[in-house]
């Protein structure tokens, strides 16, 4: 058993001063006040003075980091990415594909499914901590040509029940999020089937008008991918997909809060529209994250990063954002508290993928995935399933 003490615990709906947190077998077993509960005899006690304990961050949209891409055929690529994520407070993540030739996507899904199946052996032999892959985000190929961003047009596909079934089989049921443009032919059928299988269907890379977006929601879509980016612009007579995403209370939505993909004023607007319970932070991080300026891979193609911008030609291609920075940016851009900003990186994304009973929580029975923060949101340490570096 492990006992932690700190200045505060912050988690959605609760704040505990001078907490005592007891951890056993990788799960939180008790949270109490250290004023009323002493550390049990014989228990390893770690005191973390001046710090805040929060649930470990959850990133549901990430392509890579530290020079590695999640779709690459590499024996150690994911382990490098996962160690990097843990350094920035992420304890659970959803490796995200990009549009590629179908056979390449199928192979990537198979490799990622194997990594998820081996989740119990995720701690490295060297004792380093690593974030855990909890599911796959399929971004593409069911995307709009008009709003494809950098996804290669030759590999985009119309929505297809048969092709989705091939992806689902290759992933062995580990697809947890799928981004799709709802205006595509057969999109509603694919959305309905994916939703039936428990996939969070997310609207994105879409030129849909308001009616088509709402039909997607009626079919089962309940989330939106990197809101504002790769979407039809919001018009006062043509609200389009953004009008639906921002006003429909059935829809949660995520943003890339790096100050590049969205102006801080748009971040504030988004947070006002979707609120504390329906807003989610993602990084959309690429292999360039944590690396110097240069050229790096994103799926099957190459991007260039310079001064914090990932570019392919004249188009943004993901980010170099880390989740701890995203949390601090929300605090700075919108003057939100640390506790509220943390919710957007913990409970909210965990709820999007239907895993909020295990991750994104700070409560007895949940996994002991914890990030140790300063009051300003700087990561001091990360705990993964009760393991500390």
Protein backbone atom coordinates (compact mmCIF):
# COMPACT_ATOMS: atom_id res chain seq x y z
CA UNK A 1 0.00 0.00 0.00
CA UNK A 2 1.08 3.58 -0.74
CA UNK A 3 0.00 6.69 1.16
CA UNK A 4 0.22 10.17 -0.38
CA UNK A 5 -0.14 13.49 1.39
CA UNK A 6 -0.20 16.92 -0.29
CA UNK A 7 -1.72 20.38 0.02
CA UNK A 8 -4.85 19.66 -1.99
CA UNK A 9 -6.77 17.18 -4.09
CA UNK A 10 -8.68 18.72 -6.97
CA UNK A 11 -11.11 16.67 -8.98
CA UNK A 12 -14.44 17.41 -10.66
CA UNK A 13 -16.89 18.36 -7.94
CA UNK A 14 -14.47 18.07 -5.03
CA UNK A 15 -11.55 19.76 -3.37
CA UNK A 16 -9.90 18.29 -0.29
CA UNK A 17 -7.35 20.21 1.75
CA UNK A 18 -4.43 18.35 3.34
CA UNK A 19 -5.53 15.01 1.89
CA UNK A 20 -4.38 11.51 2.72
CA UNK A 21 -4.71 9.22 -0.29
CA UNK A 22 -4.31 5.46 0.11
CA UNK A 23 -3.45 3.35 -2.95
CA UNK A 24 -3.36 -0.42 -3.27
CA UNK A 25 -3.07 -2.75 -6.26
CA UNK A 26 -3.05 0.18 -8.67
CA UNK A 27 -6.29 1.72 -7.43
CA UNK A 28 -7.34 4.45 -5.03
CA UNK A 29 -8.86 2.83 -1.97
CA UNK A 30 -9.43 5.80 0.32
CA UNK A 31 -9.30 9.61 0.33
CA UNK A 32 -9.44 11.33 3.71
CA UNK A 33 -8.22 14.42 5.50
CA UNK A 34 -4.81 13.94 7.09
CA UNK A 35 -6.13 15.89 10.06
CA UNK A 36 -8.59 13.14 10.85
CA UNK A 37 -6.81 10.04 9.50
CA UNK A 38 -3.25 9.01 10.19
CA UNK A 39 -1.03 7.05 7.85
CA UNK A 40 -1.53 3.32 8.60
CA UNK A 41 1.42 1.55 10.16
CA UNK A 42 3.79 -0.17 7.78
CA UNK A 43 2.56 1.75 4.73
CA UNK A 44 5.00 3.54 2.40
CA UNK A 45 4.33 7.26 2.87
CA UNK A 46 5.23 9.89 0.27
CA UNK A 47 4.68 13.49 1.33
CA UNK A 48 4.32 16.01 -1.51
CA UNK A 49 4.30 19.41 0.24
CA UNK A 50 3.12 22.44 -1.69
CA UNK A 51 1.50 20.36 -4.43
CA UNK A 52 -1.93 19.62 -5.83
CA UNK A 53 -3.05 16.08 -6.66
CA UNK A 54 -5.35 15.70 -9.67
CA UNK A 55 -6.55 12.82 -11.86
CA UNK A 56 -4.08 11.87 -14.57
CA UNK A 57 -4.74 13.59 -17.88
CA UNK A 58 -6.59 11.78 -20.69
CA UNK A 59 -5.74 12.61 -24.32
CA UNK A 60 -8.27 11.25 -26.82
CA UNK A 61 -6.55 12.71 -29.91
CA UNK A 62 -2.80 12.30 -30.27
CA UNK A 63 -0.65 11.19 -33.21
CA UNK A 64 2.76 10.98 -31.59
CA UNK A 65 5.66 12.64 -29.81
CA UNK A 66 9.43 12.60 -29.31
CA UNK A 67 10.08 11.82 -32.95
CA UNK A 68 7.68 8.87 -33.22
CA UNK A 69 4.26 8.49 -34.87
CA UNK A 70 1.63 6.05 -33.56
CA UNK A 71 1.15 4.55 -37.04
CA UNK A 72 4.80 3.72 -37.59
CA UNK A 73 6.01 0.13 -37.67
CA UNK A 74 8.46 0.46 -34.79
CA UNK A 75 9.14 -1.82 -31.87
CA UNK A 76 9.86 1.01 -29.45
CA UNK A 77 7.93 3.96 -30.91
CA UNK A 78 4.92 3.72 -28.62
CA UNK A 79 7.05 3.24 -25.51
CA UNK A 80 8.95 6.47 -26.28
CA UNK A 81 5.67 8.34 -26.86
CA UNK A 82 4.16 6.93 -23.67
CA UNK A 83 7.13 7.91 -21.50
CA UNK A 84 6.98 11.43 -22.94
CA UNK A 85 3.24 11.68 -22.26
CA UNK A 86 3.71 10.64 -18.64
CA UNK A 87 6.25 13.43 -18.19
CA UNK A 88 3.47 15.85 -19.10
CA UNK A 89 0.83 14.36 -16.81
CA UNK A 90 -0.97 12.12 -19.32
CA UNK A 91 -1.75 8.68 -17.92
CA UNK A 92 -4.28 7.46 -20.52
CA UNK A 93 -4.27 8.14 -24.24
CA UNK A 94 -5.99 7.13 -27.46
CA UNK A 95 -3.50 6.76 -30.33
CA UNK A 96 -4.97 8.48 -33.36
CA UNK A 97 -4.62 7.44 -36.99
CA UNK A 98 -4.55 9.70 -40.04
CA UNK A 99 -5.87 8.93 -43.50
CA UNK A 100 -3.57 6.51 -45.29
CA UNK A 101 -3.90 3.69 -47.83
CA UNK A 102 -6.43 1.21 -46.48
CA UNK A 103 -3.91 -1.59 -46.03
CA UNK A 104 -1.61 0.72 -44.07
CA UNK A 105 -4.49 1.72 -41.81
CA UNK A 106 -5.45 -1.92 -41.24
CA UNK A 107 -1.86 -2.79 -40.25
CA UNK A 108 -1.68 0.20 -37.90
CA UNK A 109 -4.96 -0.76 -36.26
CA UNK A 110 -3.70 -4.29 -35.70
CA UNK A 111 -0.45 -3.04 -34.13
CA UNK A 112 -2.25 -0.57 -31.88
CA UNK A 113 -4.76 -3.22 -30.82
CA UNK A 114 -1.86 -5.46 -29.78
CA UNK A 115 -0.40 -2.64 -27.68
CA UNK A 116 -3.74 -2.17 -25.93
CA UNK A 117 -4.10 -5.91 -25.36
CA UNK A 118 -0.73 -5.86 -23.60
CA UNK A 119 -1.67 -2.97 -21.33
CA UNK A 120 -0.93 -4.85 -18.11
CA UNK A 121 2.77 -5.06 -19.00
CA UNK A 122 3.07 -1.37 -19.81
CA UNK A 123 5.54 -0.51 -17.06
CA UNK A 124 9.01 -0.65 -18.56
CA UNK A 125 11.71 -2.93 -17.23
CA UNK A 126 13.82 0.13 -16.41
CA UNK A 127 11.17 1.41 -14.00
CA UNK A 128 10.16 4.35 -16.16
CA UNK A 129 6.50 5.30 -16.16
CA UNK A 130 4.40 5.27 -19.32
CA UNK A 131 0.92 6.42 -20.23
CA UNK A 132 -1.45 3.62 -21.14
CA UNK A 133 -3.22 3.22 -24.49
CA UNK A 134 -6.91 2.72 -23.72
CA UNK A 135 -8.43 2.66 -27.21
CA UNK A 136 -7.93 3.89 -30.76
CA UNK A 137 -9.16 7.08 -32.39
CA UNK A 138 -9.84 6.49 -36.09
CA UNK A 139 -9.44 9.89 -37.77
CA UNK A 140 -10.08 9.26 -41.44
CA UNK A 141 -10.65 8.11 -44.07
CA UNK A 142 -14.35 9.07 -43.88
CA UNK A 143 -13.67 12.80 -44.21
CA UNK A 144 -14.74 15.65 -46.48
CA UNK A 145 -12.50 16.50 -49.42
CA UNK A 146 -13.41 20.16 -48.91
CA UNK A 147 -12.27 20.12 -45.26
CA UNK A 148 -9.63 17.41 -45.37
CA UNK A 149 -6.82 19.59 -44.00
CA UNK A 150 -3.63 17.65 -44.70
CA UNK A 151 -5.30 14.24 -45.06
CA UNK A 152 -4.27 12.99 -48.53
CA UNK A 153 -7.19 13.24 -50.99
CA UNK A 154 -6.24 10.04 -52.84
CA UNK A 155 -6.83 8.00 -49.68
CA UNK A 156 -10.10 9.56 -48.53
CA UNK A 157 -13.06 7.19 -48.72
CA UNK A 158 -16.78 7.63 -48.86
CA UNK A 159 -18.48 6.30 -45.75
CA UNK A 160 -18.81 2.54 -46.13
CA UNK A 161 -20.29 -0.06 -43.83
CA UNK A 162 -18.05 -2.71 -45.40
CA UNK A 163 -14.86 -0.71 -44.90
CA UNK A 164 -15.80 0.26 -41.36
CA UNK A 165 -16.32 -3.45 -40.62
CA UNK A 166 -12.78 -4.16 -41.85
CA UNK A 167 -11.38 -1.43 -39.61
CA UNK A 168 -13.38 -2.72 -36.64
CA UNK A 169 -12.13 -6.27 -37.17
CA UNK A 170 -8.50 -5.15 -37.53
CA UNK A 171 -8.76 -3.16 -34.30
CA UNK A 172 -10.29 -6.16 -32.50
CA UNK A 173 -12.96 -3.86 -31.13
CA UNK A 174 -10.53 -1.28 -29.75
CA UNK A 175 -11.77 1.69 -31.81
CA UNK A 176 -13.23 4.00 -29.16
CA UNK A 177 -13.48 7.25 -31.15
CA UNK A 178 -14.12 7.78 -34.86
CA UNK A 179 -14.08 11.13 -36.66
CA UNK A 180 -16.43 11.29 -39.65
CA UNK A 181 -17.96 13.93 -41.92
CA UNK A 182 -21.74 13.48 -41.55
CA UNK A 183 -22.57 14.80 -45.04
CA UNK A 184 -20.93 11.83 -46.79
CA UNK A 185 -23.13 9.24 -48.48
CA UNK A 186 -23.92 6.36 -46.08
CA UNK A 187 -22.46 8.36 -43.19
CA UNK A 188 -25.63 8.04 -41.13
CA UNK A 189 -25.58 4.24 -41.47
CA UNK A 190 -21.91 4.07 -40.44
CA UNK A 191 -22.53 6.44 -37.52
CA UNK A 192 -25.44 4.33 -36.30
CA UNK A 193 -23.46 1.08 -36.52
CA UNK A 194 -20.37 2.51 -34.82
CA UNK A 195 -22.52 3.97 -32.05
CA UNK A 196 -24.20 0.61 -31.57
CA UNK A 197 -20.76 -0.93 -31.05
CA UNK A 198 -19.92 1.63 -28.36
CA UNK A 199 -17.74 3.93 -30.45
CA UNK A 200 -17.90 7.64 -29.68
CA UNK A 201 -18.67 9.05 -33.13
CA UNK A 202 -17.20 12.52 -33.53
CA UNK A 203 -18.11 15.01 -36.24
CA UNK A 204 -15.10 16.57 -37.92
CA UNK A 205 -13.20 17.38 -41.10
CA UNK A 206 -16.62 18.32 -42.41
CA UNK A 207 -18.26 20.80 -44.74
CA UNK A 208 -21.73 19.85 -43.49
CA UNK A 209 -24.53 22.34 -43.32
CA UNK A 210 -26.58 22.60 -40.14
CA UNK A 211 -29.18 20.03 -41.25
CA UNK A 212 -26.60 17.40 -42.23
CA UNK A 213 -24.77 17.85 -38.93
CA UNK A 214 -28.00 17.44 -36.99
CA UNK A 215 -28.80 14.28 -38.97
CA UNK A 216 -25.44 12.94 -37.88
CA UNK A 217 -26.32 13.66 -34.26
CA UNK A 218 -29.70 11.98 -34.67
CA UNK A 219 -27.90 8.93 -36.08
CA UNK A 220 -25.72 8.71 -32.97
CA UNK A 221 -22.81 11.16 -33.22
CA UNK A 222 -22.19 12.86 -29.87
CA UNK A 223 -18.86 14.64 -30.09
CA UNK A 224 -16.91 17.04 -32.35
CA UNK A 225 -13.25 16.89 -33.36
CA UNK A 226 -10.93 19.94 -32.99
CA UNK A 227 -13.84 22.35 -33.15
CA UNK A 228 -13.49 25.22 -35.65
CA UNK A 229 -10.52 23.56 -37.36
CA UNK A 230 -11.30 21.68 -40.60
CA UNK A 231 -14.98 22.70 -40.38
CA UNK A 232 -17.25 24.89 -42.50
CA UNK A 233 -17.04 28.42 -41.15
CA UNK A 234 -19.83 29.73 -38.95
CA UNK A 235 -22.13 32.05 -40.89
CA UNK A 236 -24.93 34.14 -39.49
CA UNK A 237 -27.32 32.87 -42.21
CA UNK A 238 -25.52 29.54 -42.72
CA UNK A 239 -24.60 28.24 -39.26
CA UNK A 240 -23.34 24.96 -40.68
CA UNK A 241 -21.75 22.23 -38.60
CA UNK A 242 -20.35 24.75 -36.13
CA UNK A 243 -23.82 26.05 -35.41
CA UNK A 244 -24.92 22.53 -34.54
CA UNK A 245 -21.83 21.67 -32.49
CA UNK A 246 -21.92 24.85 -30.43
CA UNK A 247 -25.65 24.86 -29.69
CA UNK A 248 -26.69 21.20 -29.46
CA UNK A 249 -26.49 20.08 -25.83
CA UNK A 250 -26.26 16.44 -26.90
CA UNK A 251 -22.82 17.14 -28.33
CA UNK A 252 -19.54 17.41 -26.44
CA UNK A 253 -16.62 18.95 -28.30
CA UNK A 254 -12.87 19.31 -28.13
CA UNK A 255 -10.39 22.03 -29.02
CA UNK A 256 -6.65 22.46 -29.56
CA UNK A 257 -5.89 25.24 -27.08
CA UNK A 258 -2.36 26.05 -28.22
CA UNK A 259 -2.95 29.65 -29.23
CA UNK A 260 -2.16 28.71 -32.84
CA UNK A 261 -5.13 26.64 -33.98
CA UNK A 262 -7.53 28.99 -32.20
CA UNK A 263 -7.20 32.59 -31.10
CA UNK A 264 -7.60 32.92 -27.31
CA UNK A 265 -10.84 34.85 -27.89
CA UNK A 266 -12.27 31.84 -29.76
CA UNK A 267 -11.19 29.57 -26.91
CA UNK A 268 -13.19 31.81 -24.57
CA UNK A 269 -16.18 31.75 -26.92
CA UNK A 270 -16.04 27.97 -27.17
CA UNK A 271 -15.87 27.54 -23.40
CA UNK A 272 -18.82 29.88 -22.91
CA UNK A 273 -20.89 27.91 -25.45
CA UNK A 274 -20.03 24.34 -24.39
CA UNK A 275 -19.45 25.04 -20.73
CA UNK A 276 -17.64 23.17 -17.99
CA UNK A 277 -19.30 19.81 -18.63
CA UNK A 278 -19.16 19.55 -22.44
CA UNK A 279 -15.73 20.99 -23.24
CA UNK A 280 -12.71 18.74 -23.81
CA UNK A 281 -9.04 19.48 -24.37
CA UNK A 282 -6.98 17.52 -26.88
CA UNK A 283 -3.43 18.01 -28.13
CA UNK A 284 -3.56 16.62 -31.71
CA UNK A 285 0.17 16.25 -31.01
CA UNK A 286 2.45 14.93 -33.73
CA UNK A 287 5.82 13.19 -33.70
CA UNK A 288 7.36 16.67 -33.68
CA UNK A 289 6.15 17.30 -30.12
CA UNK A 290 9.06 17.64 -27.73
CA UNK A 291 11.50 17.93 -30.63
CA UNK A 292 13.48 20.82 -32.18
CA UNK A 293 12.53 22.50 -35.44
CA UNK A 294 12.80 20.08 -38.36
CA UNK A 295 10.94 17.56 -40.49
CA UNK A 296 8.91 14.74 -38.96
CA UNK A 297 6.37 12.07 -39.91
CA UNK A 298 2.60 12.28 -39.57
CA UNK A 299 1.20 8.93 -40.67
CA UNK A 300 2.40 8.35 -44.25
CA UNK A 301 3.59 11.89 -44.97
CA UNK A 302 6.08 14.46 -43.73
CA UNK A 303 5.51 17.75 -41.95
CA UNK A 304 7.79 20.62 -41.03
CA UNK A 305 7.79 22.22 -37.60
CA UNK A 306 9.10 25.72 -36.99
CA UNK A 307 8.44 28.02 -34.07
CA UNK A 308 5.68 25.82 -32.69
CA UNK A 309 3.77 25.38 -35.96
CA UNK A 310 3.43 22.02 -37.71
CA UNK A 311 2.92 22.63 -41.40
CA UNK A 312 2.47 20.70 -44.62
CA UNK A 313 2.65 23.35 -47.29
CA UNK A 314 0.37 26.16 -46.16
CA UNK A 315 -1.81 23.97 -43.89
CA UNK A 316 -1.52 23.29 -40.18
CA UNK A 317 -0.79 19.61 -39.58
CA UNK A 318 -1.44 18.78 -35.94
CA UNK A 319 0.46 20.44 -33.12
CA UNK A 320 3.36 20.29 -30.70
CA UNK A 321 1.04 20.94 -27.76
CA UNK A 322 1.29 19.00 -24.50
CA UNK A 323 -1.73 18.50 -22.26
CA UNK A 324 -0.27 20.30 -19.26
CA UNK A 325 0.34 23.33 -21.47
CA UNK A 326 -3.25 23.11 -22.77
CA UNK A 327 -4.53 23.21 -19.18
CA UNK A 328 -2.39 26.23 -18.36
CA UNK A 329 -3.49 27.95 -21.57
CA UNK A 330 -7.15 27.60 -20.59
CA UNK A 331 -6.28 29.18 -17.25
CA UNK A 332 -4.54 32.06 -19.06
CA UNK A 333 -6.90 32.52 -22.03
CA UNK A 334 -10.19 32.23 -20.13
CA UNK A 335 -9.15 32.99 -16.54
CA UNK A 336 -10.42 29.59 -15.43
CA UNK A 337 -9.31 28.01 -12.17
CA UNK A 338 -6.85 25.13 -12.16
CA UNK A 339 -9.61 22.78 -10.97
CA UNK A 340 -11.96 23.72 -13.82
CA UNK A 341 -9.24 23.58 -16.46
CA UNK A 342 -8.13 20.15 -15.21
CA UNK A 343 -11.65 18.81 -15.64
CA UNK A 344 -11.40 19.42 -19.39
CA UNK A 345 -8.37 17.12 -19.51
CA UNK A 346 -9.63 14.41 -17.14
CA UNK A 347 -13.27 13.61 -16.39
CA UNK A 348 -14.71 15.13 -19.57
CA UNK A 349 -12.60 13.15 -22.08
CA UNK A 350 -13.02 10.02 -19.95
CA UNK A 351 -16.80 10.44 -20.20
CA UNK A 352 -16.58 10.97 -23.96
CA UNK A 353 -15.07 7.48 -24.34
CA UNK A 354 -17.29 5.92 -21.66
CA UNK A 355 -14.46 5.13 -19.26
CA UNK A 356 -15.09 7.65 -16.49
CA UNK A 357 -15.56 4.95 -13.86
CA UNK A 358 -11.90 3.97 -14.26
CA UNK A 359 -9.94 6.97 -15.53
CA UNK A 360 -10.25 10.74 -15.25
CA UNK A 361 -11.57 10.38 -11.72
CA UNK A 362 -10.14 10.85 -8.24
CA UNK A 363 -12.31 8.55 -6.19
CA UNK A 364 -12.13 5.19 -4.42
CA UNK A 365 -12.18 2.35 -6.95
CA UNK A 366 -10.70 4.39 -9.80
CA UNK A 367 -7.25 3.64 -11.15
CA UNK A 368 -4.52 5.41 -9.21
CA UNK A 369 -3.59 7.58 -12.19
CA UNK A 370 -2.52 10.87 -10.63
CA UNK A 371 -0.68 13.98 -11.74
CA UNK A 372 1.14 16.02 -9.10
CA UNK A 373 0.91 19.73 -9.96
CA UNK A 374 1.98 23.10 -8.67
CA UNK A 375 -0.75 25.66 -8.05
CA UNK A 376 0.10 27.08 -11.50
CA UNK A 377 -0.45 23.73 -13.23
CA UNK A 378 3.18 22.69 -13.73
CA UNK A 379 3.74 18.92 -13.60
CA UNK A 380 5.95 17.77 -10.73
CA UNK A 381 5.38 14.04 -10.98
CA UNK A 382 3.04 11.50 -12.55
CA UNK A 383 1.70 8.33 -10.97
CA UNK A 384 0.43 5.56 -13.25
CA UNK A 385 -1.67 2.81 -11.71
CA UNK A 386 -0.07 3.53 -8.34
CA UNK A 387 3.50 3.43 -9.64
CA UNK A 388 5.83 6.34 -9.02
CA UNK A 389 9.16 7.03 -10.65
